[in-house]
Amino acid sequence: MGDADSVRAFRRSIRRSFESFLRFTHRYWFHEVSEQARVRALFHLCAGHLGTDALYDVVKVRIADMNTYLDADSPRRQASTVVRLTGVTIVGLIGTVTTGFLGMNRLAEADAPLARKLWIFAITVVLTTVLTFYTMGKSKGLSDFLDARSNQHLSVSARLQALAGVWRRSAD
């Protein structure tokens, strides 16, 4: 369960199995093969002896259960991603407002030489990239803090503990 490649391979395998099973069902699964009484009786005798209907039902239920699980798990993972991205966006919003304020001619660099402007631009890009990746790494803790911050029933100390939890190492 902890190996992402193994989980991806498992999901692909289940999806392919479900697709193959549906294709088999719609193309090749018959309950009647002929209108002739003897052929029909022979078919029912063989199917009853081999237990194909029961085996088919078992496989159908198992594959449908796994596919249902994967379908239910996908929205959960997407919701988790949205919550994490919300934390990253809020930190980005703070950075955007800050740089917007600084860009309101507080630093008079319009007449500076091109090399200085490029140097400032490069430093800004590097710092912004580092901050973005750092907040993405801390997104789980940030989303937990935002949940705690918005919970009116928590005390100030509980909210501060949630804030401190952003920098604690987590097991996930």
N, C-alpha and C. Protein backbone atom coordinates (compact mmCIF):
# COMPACT_ATOMS: atom_id res chain seq x y z
N MET A 1 0.82 -1.21 0.00
CA MET A 1 0.00 0.00 0.00
C MET A 1 0.85 1.26 0.00
N GLY A 2 2.07 1.20 0.52
CA GLY A 2 2.91 2.39 0.61
C GLY A 2 3.67 2.69 -0.67
N ASP A 3 3.74 1.74 -1.59
CA ASP A 3 4.48 1.92 -2.83
C ASP A 3 3.54 2.49 -3.90
N ALA A 4 3.80 3.72 -4.32
CA ALA A 4 2.90 4.40 -5.27
C ALA A 4 2.86 3.68 -6.61
N ASP A 5 3.99 3.15 -7.07
CA ASP A 5 4.00 2.43 -8.35
C ASP A 5 3.16 1.16 -8.26
N SER A 6 3.23 0.47 -7.14
CA SER A 6 2.44 -0.74 -6.94
C SER A 6 0.94 -0.42 -6.92
N VAL A 7 0.58 0.67 -6.27
CA VAL A 7 -0.83 1.07 -6.21
C VAL A 7 -1.34 1.44 -7.60
N ARG A 8 -0.53 2.19 -8.36
CA ARG A 8 -0.92 2.55 -9.73
C ARG A 8 -1.09 1.30 -10.60
N ALA A 9 -0.15 0.36 -10.48
CA ALA A 9 -0.24 -0.88 -11.26
C ALA A 9 -1.49 -1.67 -10.86
N PHE A 10 -1.80 -1.70 -9.56
CA PHE A 10 -3.00 -2.38 -9.09
C PHE A 10 -4.25 -1.75 -9.68
N ARG A 11 -4.32 -0.43 -9.65
CA ARG A 11 -5.50 0.26 -10.20
C ARG A 11 -5.66 -0.05 -11.69
N ARG A 12 -4.55 0.04 -12.44
CA ARG A 12 -4.60 -0.26 -13.87
C ARG A 12 -5.05 -1.70 -14.10
N SER A 13 -4.54 -2.62 -13.30
CA SER A 13 -4.90 -4.03 -13.45
C SER A 13 -6.38 -4.25 -13.20
N ILE A 14 -6.91 -3.63 -12.15
CA ILE A 14 -8.34 -3.78 -11.85
C ILE A 14 -9.19 -3.18 -12.97
N ARG A 15 -8.81 -2.00 -13.45
CA ARG A 15 -9.57 -1.36 -14.54
C ARG A 15 -9.55 -2.23 -15.80
N ARG A 16 -8.38 -2.76 -16.14
CA ARG A 16 -8.27 -3.63 -17.32
C ARG A 16 -9.10 -4.91 -17.12
N SER A 17 -9.06 -5.48 -15.92
CA SER A 17 -9.84 -6.69 -15.65
C SER A 17 -11.33 -6.41 -15.78
N PHE A 18 -11.78 -5.28 -15.25
CA PHE A 18 -13.19 -4.91 -15.34
C PHE A 18 -13.59 -4.70 -16.80
N GLU A 19 -12.74 -4.02 -17.54
CA GLU A 19 -13.02 -3.79 -18.96
C GLU A 19 -13.08 -5.11 -19.73
N SER A 20 -12.13 -5.99 -19.48
CA SER A 20 -12.11 -7.30 -20.15
C SER A 20 -13.33 -8.13 -19.77
N PHE A 21 -13.72 -8.07 -18.51
CA PHE A 21 -14.89 -8.82 -18.06
C PHE A 21 -16.16 -8.31 -18.74
N LEU A 22 -16.29 -6.98 -18.84
CA LEU A 22 -17.47 -6.43 -19.51
C LEU A 22 -17.48 -6.81 -20.99
N ARG A 23 -16.32 -6.75 -21.62
CA ARG A 23 -16.22 -7.13 -23.03
C ARG A 23 -16.60 -8.61 -23.20
N PHE A 24 -16.09 -9.47 -22.32
CA PHE A 24 -16.44 -10.89 -22.35
C PHE A 24 -17.95 -11.08 -22.17
N THR A 25 -18.52 -10.41 -21.21
CA THR A 25 -19.95 -10.55 -20.93
C THR A 25 -20.79 -10.17 -22.13
N HIS A 26 -20.46 -9.05 -22.75
CA HIS A 26 -21.29 -8.57 -23.86
C HIS A 26 -21.05 -9.32 -25.16
N ARG A 27 -19.89 -9.95 -25.30
CA ARG A 27 -19.61 -10.66 -26.55
C ARG A 27 -19.85 -12.16 -26.46
N TYR A 28 -19.49 -12.78 -25.34
CA TYR A 28 -19.40 -14.23 -25.32
C TYR A 28 -20.25 -14.94 -24.27
N TRP A 29 -20.85 -14.24 -23.35
CA TRP A 29 -21.58 -14.93 -22.28
C TRP A 29 -23.02 -15.17 -22.71
N PHE A 30 -23.39 -16.45 -22.80
CA PHE A 30 -24.72 -16.82 -23.25
C PHE A 30 -25.36 -17.73 -22.21
N HIS A 31 -26.67 -17.59 -22.07
CA HIS A 31 -27.42 -18.52 -21.24
C HIS A 31 -28.11 -19.56 -22.12
N GLU A 32 -28.27 -19.25 -23.37
CA GLU A 32 -28.86 -20.16 -24.35
C GLU A 32 -27.99 -20.13 -25.59
N VAL A 33 -27.71 -21.31 -26.16
CA VAL A 33 -26.87 -21.34 -27.35
C VAL A 33 -27.61 -21.82 -28.59
N SER A 34 -28.77 -22.39 -28.41
CA SER A 34 -29.48 -22.92 -29.57
C SER A 34 -30.96 -23.03 -29.27
N GLU A 35 -31.73 -23.10 -30.34
CA GLU A 35 -33.17 -23.31 -30.21
C GLU A 35 -33.50 -24.80 -30.22
N GLN A 36 -32.54 -25.62 -30.60
CA GLN A 36 -32.78 -27.07 -30.65
C GLN A 36 -32.74 -27.64 -29.22
N ALA A 37 -33.69 -28.48 -28.93
CA ALA A 37 -33.87 -29.00 -27.57
C ALA A 37 -32.67 -29.81 -27.11
N ARG A 38 -32.11 -30.68 -27.97
CA ARG A 38 -30.98 -31.51 -27.55
C ARG A 38 -29.73 -30.67 -27.27
N VAL A 39 -29.44 -29.71 -28.13
CA VAL A 39 -28.27 -28.85 -27.94
C VAL A 39 -28.44 -28.00 -26.68
N ARG A 40 -29.66 -27.50 -26.49
CA ARG A 40 -29.94 -26.71 -25.30
C ARG A 40 -29.79 -27.55 -24.03
N ALA A 41 -30.28 -28.77 -24.05
CA ALA A 41 -30.16 -29.66 -22.90
C ALA A 41 -28.70 -30.00 -22.63
N LEU A 42 -27.92 -30.26 -23.68
CA LEU A 42 -26.49 -30.55 -23.53
C LEU A 42 -25.76 -29.34 -22.95
N PHE A 43 -26.11 -28.16 -23.44
CA PHE A 43 -25.48 -26.93 -22.93
C PHE A 43 -25.78 -26.75 -21.44
N HIS A 44 -27.04 -26.92 -21.04
CA HIS A 44 -27.42 -26.78 -19.63
C HIS A 44 -26.76 -27.85 -18.76
N LEU A 45 -26.63 -29.05 -19.30
CA LEU A 45 -25.97 -30.12 -18.57
C LEU A 45 -24.50 -29.76 -18.31
N CYS A 46 -23.80 -29.31 -19.37
CA CYS A 46 -22.39 -28.92 -19.22
C CYS A 46 -22.24 -27.72 -18.29
N ALA A 47 -23.08 -26.72 -18.47
CA ALA A 47 -23.00 -25.51 -17.63
C ALA A 47 -23.28 -25.85 -16.17
N GLY A 48 -24.25 -26.73 -15.93
CA GLY A 48 -24.56 -27.15 -14.56
C GLY A 48 -23.45 -27.97 -13.95
N HIS A 49 -22.86 -28.86 -14.75
CA HIS A 49 -21.78 -29.70 -14.25
C HIS A 49 -20.53 -28.87 -13.93
N LEU A 50 -20.22 -27.90 -14.77
CA LEU A 50 -19.03 -27.07 -14.56
C LEU A 50 -19.28 -25.94 -13.56
N GLY A 51 -20.53 -25.60 -13.35
CA GLY A 51 -20.86 -24.52 -12.41
C GLY A 51 -20.48 -23.14 -12.94
N THR A 52 -20.59 -22.96 -14.25
CA THR A 52 -20.15 -21.70 -14.86
C THR A 52 -20.98 -20.50 -14.41
N ASP A 53 -22.27 -20.70 -14.18
CA ASP A 53 -23.09 -19.56 -13.73
C ASP A 53 -22.65 -19.07 -12.36
N ALA A 54 -22.39 -20.00 -11.46
CA ALA A 54 -21.94 -19.61 -10.11
C ALA A 54 -20.56 -18.95 -10.16
N LEU A 55 -19.65 -19.52 -10.95
CA LEU A 55 -18.31 -18.92 -11.09
C LEU A 55 -18.40 -17.54 -11.72
N TYR A 56 -19.24 -17.41 -12.72
CA TYR A 56 -19.43 -16.11 -13.37
C TYR A 56 -19.92 -15.08 -12.35
N ASP A 57 -20.91 -15.46 -11.54
CA ASP A 57 -21.45 -14.53 -10.54
C ASP A 57 -20.39 -14.13 -9.51
N VAL A 58 -19.55 -15.08 -9.08
CA VAL A 58 -18.49 -14.77 -8.11
C VAL A 58 -17.50 -13.77 -8.70
N VAL A 59 -17.05 -14.03 -9.92
CA VAL A 59 -16.09 -13.13 -10.57
C VAL A 59 -16.72 -11.75 -10.79
N LYS A 60 -17.97 -11.75 -11.21
CA LYS A 60 -18.68 -10.49 -11.46
C LYS A 60 -18.76 -9.65 -10.19
N VAL A 61 -19.11 -10.26 -9.08
CA VAL A 61 -19.24 -9.53 -7.81
C VAL A 61 -17.87 -9.02 -7.34
N ARG A 62 -16.85 -9.85 -7.43
CA ARG A 62 -15.52 -9.43 -6.96
C ARG A 62 -14.95 -8.29 -7.79
N ILE A 63 -15.07 -8.38 -9.09
CA ILE A 63 -14.55 -7.31 -9.95
C ILE A 63 -15.37 -6.04 -9.75
N ALA A 64 -16.68 -6.17 -9.62
CA ALA A 64 -17.53 -4.99 -9.40
C ALA A 64 -17.21 -4.34 -8.05
N ASP A 65 -16.94 -5.14 -7.03
CA ASP A 65 -16.57 -4.58 -5.72
C ASP A 65 -15.28 -3.77 -5.81
N MET A 66 -14.27 -4.31 -6.46
CA MET A 66 -13.00 -3.60 -6.58
C MET A 66 -13.16 -2.33 -7.40
N ASN A 67 -13.94 -2.41 -8.48
CA ASN A 67 -14.16 -1.22 -9.30
C ASN A 67 -14.92 -0.16 -8.53
N THR A 68 -15.89 -0.57 -7.73
CA THR A 68 -16.64 0.36 -6.89
C THR A 68 -15.73 1.03 -5.88
N TYR A 69 -14.84 0.24 -5.28
CA TYR A 69 -13.88 0.80 -4.33
C TYR A 69 -12.99 1.85 -5.01
N LEU A 70 -12.47 1.53 -6.19
CA LEU A 70 -11.61 2.48 -6.89
C LEU A 70 -12.38 3.75 -7.28
N ASP A 71 -13.64 3.58 -7.68
CA ASP A 71 -14.47 4.74 -8.02
C ASP A 71 -14.74 5.61 -6.80
N ALA A 72 -14.89 5.01 -5.64
CA ALA A 72 -15.14 5.77 -4.41
C ALA A 72 -13.86 6.41 -3.89
N ASP A 73 -12.72 5.77 -4.12
CA ASP A 73 -11.44 6.28 -3.63
C ASP A 73 -10.96 7.49 -4.42
N SER A 74 -11.30 7.55 -5.69
CA SER A 74 -10.84 8.64 -6.54
C SER A 74 -11.32 10.01 -6.07
N PRO A 75 -12.61 10.22 -5.77
CA PRO A 75 -13.04 11.52 -5.25
C PRO A 75 -12.40 11.89 -3.91
N ARG A 76 -12.13 10.88 -3.07
CA ARG A 76 -11.47 11.15 -1.79
C ARG A 76 -10.08 11.71 -2.02
N ARG A 77 -9.33 11.11 -2.94
CA ARG A 77 -7.98 11.60 -3.23
C ARG A 77 -8.03 12.99 -3.87
N GLN A 78 -9.01 13.22 -4.74
CA GLN A 78 -9.14 14.53 -5.36
C GLN A 78 -9.49 15.59 -4.33
N ALA A 79 -10.36 15.26 -3.38
CA ALA A 79 -10.72 16.22 -2.34
C ALA A 79 -9.51 16.55 -1.48
N SER A 80 -8.70 15.56 -1.19
CA SER A 80 -7.48 15.80 -0.40
C SER A 80 -6.54 16.74 -1.15
N THR A 81 -6.42 16.54 -2.45
CA THR A 81 -5.56 17.41 -3.26
C THR A 81 -6.10 18.84 -3.27
N VAL A 82 -7.40 19.00 -3.39
CA VAL A 82 -8.00 20.34 -3.39
C VAL A 82 -7.75 21.05 -2.06
N VAL A 83 -7.88 20.31 -0.96
CA VAL A 83 -7.64 20.91 0.36
C VAL A 83 -6.18 21.37 0.46
N ARG A 84 -5.26 20.55 0.00
CA ARG A 84 -3.84 20.91 0.05
C ARG A 84 -3.55 22.12 -0.83
N LEU A 85 -4.12 22.12 -2.02
CA LEU A 85 -3.88 23.26 -2.92
C LEU A 85 -4.49 24.55 -2.37
N THR A 86 -5.54 24.43 -1.59
CA THR A 86 -6.12 25.62 -0.97
C THR A 86 -5.12 26.25 -0.01
N GLY A 87 -4.43 25.44 0.76
CA GLY A 87 -3.40 25.96 1.67
C GLY A 87 -2.27 26.63 0.91
N VAL A 88 -1.84 26.00 -0.17
CA VAL A 88 -0.77 26.59 -1.00
C VAL A 88 -1.26 27.90 -1.61
N THR A 89 -2.51 27.95 -2.03
CA THR A 89 -3.06 29.16 -2.64
C THR A 89 -3.12 30.31 -1.64
N ILE A 90 -3.49 30.01 -0.42
CA ILE A 90 -3.56 31.07 0.60
C ILE A 90 -2.18 31.66 0.86
N VAL A 91 -1.17 30.79 0.97
CA VAL A 91 0.19 31.30 1.15
C VAL A 91 0.60 32.10 -0.08
N GLY A 92 0.24 31.62 -1.26
CA GLY A 92 0.54 32.35 -2.50
C GLY A 92 -0.16 33.69 -2.55
N LEU A 93 -1.37 33.75 -2.02
CA LEU A 93 -2.11 35.00 -1.98
C LEU A 93 -1.37 36.03 -1.12
N ILE A 94 -0.85 35.57 0.00
CA ILE A 94 -0.08 36.47 0.86
C ILE A 94 1.13 36.99 0.11
N GLY A 95 1.83 36.08 -0.58
CA GLY A 95 2.99 36.50 -1.37
C GLY A 95 2.63 37.43 -2.51
N THR A 96 1.50 37.20 -3.15
CA THR A 96 1.06 38.06 -4.25
C THR A 96 0.75 39.47 -3.76
N VAL A 97 0.04 39.55 -2.65
CA VAL A 97 -0.28 40.86 -2.10
C VAL A 97 0.99 41.59 -1.69
N THR A 98 1.93 40.85 -1.09
CA THR A 98 3.18 41.46 -0.67
C THR A 98 3.97 41.99 -1.85
N THR A 99 4.14 41.17 -2.88
CA THR A 99 4.90 41.63 -4.04
C THR A 99 4.15 42.71 -4.80
N GLY A 100 2.83 42.65 -4.78
CA GLY A 100 2.06 43.72 -5.42
C GLY A 100 2.28 45.05 -4.72
N PHE A 101 2.35 45.01 -3.39
CA PHE A 101 2.62 46.21 -2.63
C PHE A 101 4.01 46.75 -2.94
N LEU A 102 4.98 45.84 -3.01
CA LEU A 102 6.34 46.26 -3.32
C LEU A 102 6.45 46.78 -4.75
N GLY A 103 5.62 46.29 -5.62
CA GLY A 103 5.67 46.73 -7.01
C GLY A 103 4.96 48.05 -7.27
N MET A 104 4.44 48.68 -6.23
CA MET A 104 3.73 49.95 -6.40
C MET A 104 4.70 51.11 -6.30
N ASN A 105 5.79 51.01 -7.04
CA ASN A 105 6.81 52.04 -7.11
C ASN A 105 7.43 52.37 -5.76
N ARG A 106 7.41 51.40 -4.85
CA ARG A 106 8.10 51.58 -3.57
C ARG A 106 9.61 51.43 -3.78
N LEU A 107 9.95 50.56 -4.73
CA LEU A 107 11.35 50.40 -5.11
C LEU A 107 11.49 51.00 -6.51
N ALA A 108 12.18 52.06 -6.63
CA ALA A 108 12.31 52.75 -7.92
C ALA A 108 13.40 52.10 -8.75
N GLU A 109 13.05 50.99 -9.40
CA GLU A 109 14.01 50.26 -10.21
C GLU A 109 13.72 50.43 -11.70
N ALA A 110 12.80 51.28 -12.07
CA ALA A 110 12.45 51.46 -13.47
C ALA A 110 13.62 52.01 -14.28
N ASP A 111 14.42 52.86 -13.69
CA ASP A 111 15.55 53.45 -14.40
C ASP A 111 16.86 52.71 -14.15
N ALA A 112 16.81 51.59 -13.48
CA ALA A 112 18.02 50.82 -13.17
C ALA A 112 18.54 50.16 -14.45
N PRO A 113 19.82 49.83 -14.46
CA PRO A 113 20.37 49.14 -15.64
C PRO A 113 19.70 47.78 -15.85
N LEU A 114 19.71 47.31 -17.08
CA LEU A 114 19.05 46.05 -17.43
C LEU A 114 19.61 44.88 -16.63
N ALA A 115 20.92 44.85 -16.42
CA ALA A 115 21.53 43.75 -15.66
C ALA A 115 20.97 43.70 -14.24
N ARG A 116 20.78 44.84 -13.61
CA ARG A 116 20.23 44.87 -12.25
C ARG A 116 18.78 44.39 -12.25
N LYS A 117 17.99 44.79 -13.24
CA LYS A 117 16.60 44.35 -13.33
C LYS A 117 16.53 42.83 -13.52
N LEU A 118 17.39 42.29 -14.38
CA LEU A 118 17.41 40.85 -14.60
C LEU A 118 17.84 40.10 -13.34
N TRP A 119 18.81 40.66 -12.62
CA TRP A 119 19.26 40.04 -11.37
C TRP A 119 18.12 40.01 -10.34
N ILE A 120 17.42 41.11 -10.18
CA ILE A 120 16.27 41.17 -9.25
C ILE A 120 15.18 40.21 -9.70
N PHE A 121 14.93 40.15 -11.02
CA PHE A 121 13.92 39.22 -11.55
C PHE A 121 14.31 37.77 -11.25
N ALA A 122 15.57 37.43 -11.50
CA ALA A 122 16.03 36.05 -11.26
C ALA A 122 15.92 35.67 -9.79
N ILE A 123 16.31 36.58 -8.90
CA ILE A 123 16.21 36.31 -7.46
C ILE A 123 14.74 36.11 -7.07
N THR A 124 13.86 36.93 -7.61
CA THR A 124 12.44 36.82 -7.30
C THR A 124 11.87 35.49 -7.79
N VAL A 125 12.25 35.08 -9.00
CA VAL A 125 11.76 33.80 -9.54
C VAL A 125 12.25 32.64 -8.67
N VAL A 126 13.53 32.65 -8.30
CA VAL A 126 14.07 31.57 -7.49
C VAL A 126 13.39 31.52 -6.12
N LEU A 127 13.27 32.67 -5.47
CA LEU A 127 12.63 32.69 -4.15
C LEU A 127 11.16 32.26 -4.23
N THR A 128 10.45 32.71 -5.25
CA THR A 128 9.05 32.34 -5.41
C THR A 128 8.92 30.84 -5.66
N THR A 129 9.81 30.29 -6.48
CA THR A 129 9.77 28.85 -6.76
C THR A 129 10.07 28.05 -5.50
N VAL A 130 11.09 28.45 -4.77
CA VAL A 130 11.43 27.75 -3.52
C VAL A 130 10.26 27.82 -2.54
N LEU A 131 9.67 28.99 -2.38
CA LEU A 131 8.53 29.14 -1.47
C LEU A 131 7.35 28.28 -1.91
N THR A 132 7.10 28.23 -3.21
CA THR A 132 5.98 27.43 -3.72
C THR A 132 6.19 25.95 -3.42
N PHE A 133 7.38 25.43 -3.73
CA PHE A 133 7.65 24.02 -3.46
C PHE A 133 7.66 23.72 -1.96
N TYR A 134 8.14 24.63 -1.17
CA TYR A 134 8.13 24.45 0.28
C TYR A 134 6.69 24.37 0.80
N THR A 135 5.84 25.28 0.34
CA THR A 135 4.45 25.25 0.80
C THR A 135 3.71 24.02 0.28
N MET A 136 4.08 23.54 -0.90
CA MET A 136 3.48 22.30 -1.39
C MET A 136 3.87 21.14 -0.48
N GLY A 137 5.10 21.13 -0.02
CA GLY A 137 5.54 20.09 0.90
C GLY A 137 4.86 20.18 2.25
N LYS A 138 4.51 21.36 2.67
CA LYS A 138 3.85 21.57 3.96
C LYS A 138 2.33 21.68 3.82
N SER A 139 1.80 21.34 2.65
CA SER A 139 0.38 21.58 2.37
C SER A 139 -0.54 20.81 3.31
N LYS A 140 -0.17 19.60 3.72
CA LYS A 140 -1.02 18.84 4.64
C LYS A 140 -1.14 19.56 5.98
N GLY A 141 0.00 19.99 6.52
CA GLY A 141 -0.02 20.73 7.78
C GLY A 141 -0.76 22.06 7.64
N LEU A 142 -0.57 22.72 6.49
CA LEU A 142 -1.28 23.99 6.26
C LEU A 142 -2.79 23.79 6.20
N SER A 143 -3.22 22.72 5.54
CA SER A 143 -4.67 22.49 5.46
C SER A 143 -5.23 22.14 6.84
N ASP A 144 -4.46 21.39 7.64
CA ASP A 144 -4.91 21.10 9.01
C ASP A 144 -5.00 22.38 9.83
N PHE A 145 -4.01 23.27 9.67
CA PHE A 145 -4.05 24.54 10.38
C PHE A 145 -5.25 25.39 9.95
N LEU A 146 -5.52 25.43 8.64
CA LEU A 146 -6.67 26.21 8.16
C LEU A 146 -7.98 25.66 8.70
N ASP A 147 -8.08 24.33 8.80
CA ASP A 147 -9.28 23.72 9.40
C ASP A 147 -9.41 24.14 10.86
N ALA A 148 -8.29 24.08 11.59
CA ALA A 148 -8.31 24.47 13.01
C ALA A 148 -8.63 25.95 13.15
N ARG A 149 -8.05 26.75 12.28
CA ARG A 149 -8.25 28.22 12.34
C ARG A 149 -9.72 28.58 12.10
N SER A 150 -10.38 27.84 11.22
CA SER A 150 -11.78 28.16 10.92
C SER A 150 -12.76 27.54 11.91
N ASN A 151 -12.29 26.64 12.77
CA ASN A 151 -13.15 26.01 13.76
C ASN A 151 -13.30 26.95 14.96
N GLN A 152 -14.49 27.50 15.14
CA GLN A 152 -14.74 28.47 16.20
C GLN A 152 -14.75 27.83 17.59
N HIS A 153 -14.87 26.51 17.64
CA HIS A 153 -14.96 25.83 18.93
C HIS A 153 -13.59 25.52 19.53
N LEU A 154 -12.53 25.71 18.78
CA LEU A 154 -11.20 25.43 19.29
C LEU A 154 -10.65 26.63 20.04
N SER A 155 -9.86 26.35 21.05
CA SER A 155 -9.24 27.42 21.82
C SER A 155 -8.07 28.01 21.04
N VAL A 156 -7.58 29.14 21.51
CA VAL A 156 -6.45 29.78 20.86
C VAL A 156 -5.22 28.88 20.94
N SER A 157 -5.04 28.20 22.06
CA SER A 157 -3.87 27.32 22.19
C SER A 157 -3.96 26.14 21.23
N ALA A 158 -5.16 25.61 20.99
CA ALA A 158 -5.32 24.51 20.02
C ALA A 158 -5.02 24.99 18.61
N ARG A 159 -5.42 26.21 18.31
CA ARG A 159 -5.11 26.78 16.99
C ARG A 159 -3.61 27.00 16.84
N LEU A 160 -2.96 27.45 17.91
CA LEU A 160 -1.50 27.64 17.86
C LEU A 160 -0.78 26.30 17.72
N GLN A 161 -1.31 25.27 18.36
CA GLN A 161 -0.72 23.94 18.21
C GLN A 161 -0.86 23.46 16.77
N ALA A 162 -1.99 23.76 16.15
CA ALA A 162 -2.17 23.39 14.74
C ALA A 162 -1.18 24.15 13.86
N LEU A 163 -0.93 25.41 14.21
CA LEU A 163 0.06 26.18 13.47
C LEU A 163 1.45 25.59 13.65
N ALA A 164 1.78 25.19 14.85
CA ALA A 164 3.09 24.56 15.10
C ALA A 164 3.18 23.21 14.38
N GLY A 165 2.04 22.57 14.20
CA GLY A 165 2.00 21.27 13.51
C GLY A 165 2.40 21.35 12.05
N VAL A 166 2.36 22.54 11.49
CA VAL A 166 2.78 22.70 10.09
C VAL A 166 4.24 22.30 9.94
N TRP A 167 5.07 22.56 10.93
CA TRP A 167 6.51 22.31 10.83
C TRP A 167 6.94 21.01 11.49
N ARG A 168 6.02 20.29 12.12
CA ARG A 168 6.35 18.99 12.69
C ARG A 168 6.44 17.96 11.58
N ARG A 169 7.31 16.99 11.75
CA ARG A 169 7.39 15.90 10.79
C ARG A 169 6.15 15.03 10.94
N SER A 170 5.55 14.66 9.82
CA SER A 170 4.37 13.79 9.88
C SER A 170 4.72 12.43 9.32
N ALA A 171 3.87 11.45 9.66
CA ALA A 171 4.11 10.08 9.23
C ALA A 171 3.60 9.84 7.82
N ASP A 172 2.78 10.77 7.26
CA ASP A 172 2.26 10.50 5.92
C ASP A 172 3.18 10.95 4.90
